[in-house]
Amino acid sequence: MWCVGLFVMWCGASQPAPIPDTYCQIAKPIYWAASDTRATKEQVDTHNRVWKRLCRKNKP
C-alpha cells in the first residue's frame, strides 16, 4: 500500500502546473439585445467599460 501511494505522488509531481488564464485572455466585449432589461444592459455596459480599461490597449 505504501509503494502505491509513493508512486502516485511521484507521477503527480512530474506533470507541469496549468497556466492560468488572465482576464484579458478570456474576456470579450458583450453585446445586448433590444429585448434585454435595463438592468441587463447596465451590467453589460459595466463589463465592457472594465474590458476597455484593462484590455483594449492589449488588443490589435
Protein backbone atom coordinates (compact mmCIF):
# COMPACT_ATOMS: atom_id res chain seq x y z
CA MET A 1 0.00 0.00 0.00
CA TRP A 2 2.84 2.39 0.85
CA CYS A 3 4.54 1.82 -2.53
CA VAL A 4 1.35 2.60 -4.44
CA GLY A 5 0.95 5.90 -2.61
CA LEU A 6 4.55 6.86 -3.29
CA PHE A 7 4.18 6.00 -6.98
CA VAL A 8 1.02 8.14 -7.30
CA MET A 9 2.74 11.08 -5.60
CA TRP A 10 5.77 10.74 -7.87
CA CYS A 11 3.63 10.61 -11.05
CA GLY A 12 1.57 13.61 -10.00
CA ALA A 13 4.65 15.72 -9.31
CA SER A 14 6.04 15.23 -12.82
CA GLN A 15 3.10 16.96 -14.54
CA PRO A 16 3.52 20.68 -15.28
CA ALA A 17 1.29 23.12 -13.47
CA PRO A 18 -1.55 24.53 -15.59
CA ILE A 19 -1.03 28.04 -16.90
CA PRO A 20 -3.74 30.34 -15.52
CA ASP A 21 -5.69 32.50 -17.97
CA THR A 22 -5.70 36.21 -17.41
CA TYR A 23 -8.88 38.25 -17.64
CA CYS A 24 -7.82 39.79 -20.95
CA GLN A 25 -7.11 36.38 -22.49
CA ILE A 26 -10.63 35.15 -21.81
CA ALA A 27 -12.81 38.28 -21.68
CA LYS A 28 -14.54 39.76 -24.71
CA PRO A 29 -16.98 42.63 -25.15
CA ILE A 30 -20.63 41.70 -24.66
CA TYR A 31 -23.49 42.97 -26.80
CA TRP A 32 -27.01 43.40 -25.52
CA ALA A 33 -30.26 42.97 -27.41
CA ALA A 34 -33.11 45.45 -27.60
CA SER A 35 -35.27 42.97 -25.69
CA ASP A 36 -32.87 42.89 -22.69
CA THR A 37 -33.92 44.61 -19.48
CA ARG A 38 -32.35 47.91 -18.43
CA ALA A 39 -30.56 46.09 -15.58
CA THR A 40 -29.01 43.63 -18.03
CA LYS A 41 -27.90 46.47 -20.32
CA GLU A 42 -26.28 48.25 -17.37
CA GLN A 43 -24.40 45.09 -16.37
CA VAL A 44 -23.19 44.64 -19.95
CA ASP A 45 -22.07 48.28 -20.08
CA THR A 46 -20.18 47.84 -16.80
CA HIS A 47 -18.41 44.73 -18.10
CA ASN A 48 -17.49 46.49 -21.34
CA ARG A 49 -16.07 49.51 -19.51
CA VAL A 50 -13.85 47.22 -17.43
CA TRP A 51 -12.78 45.33 -20.56
CA LYS A 52 -11.89 48.59 -22.35
CA ARG A 53 -9.93 49.90 -19.38
CA LEU A 54 -7.94 46.70 -18.80
CA CYS A 55 -7.67 45.02 -22.18
CA ARG A 56 -8.23 47.33 -25.13
CA LYS A 57 -4.63 48.56 -25.12
CA ASN A 58 -3.55 44.90 -25.41
CA LYS A 59 -5.80 44.12 -28.38
CA PRO A 60 -4.98 45.00 -32.00
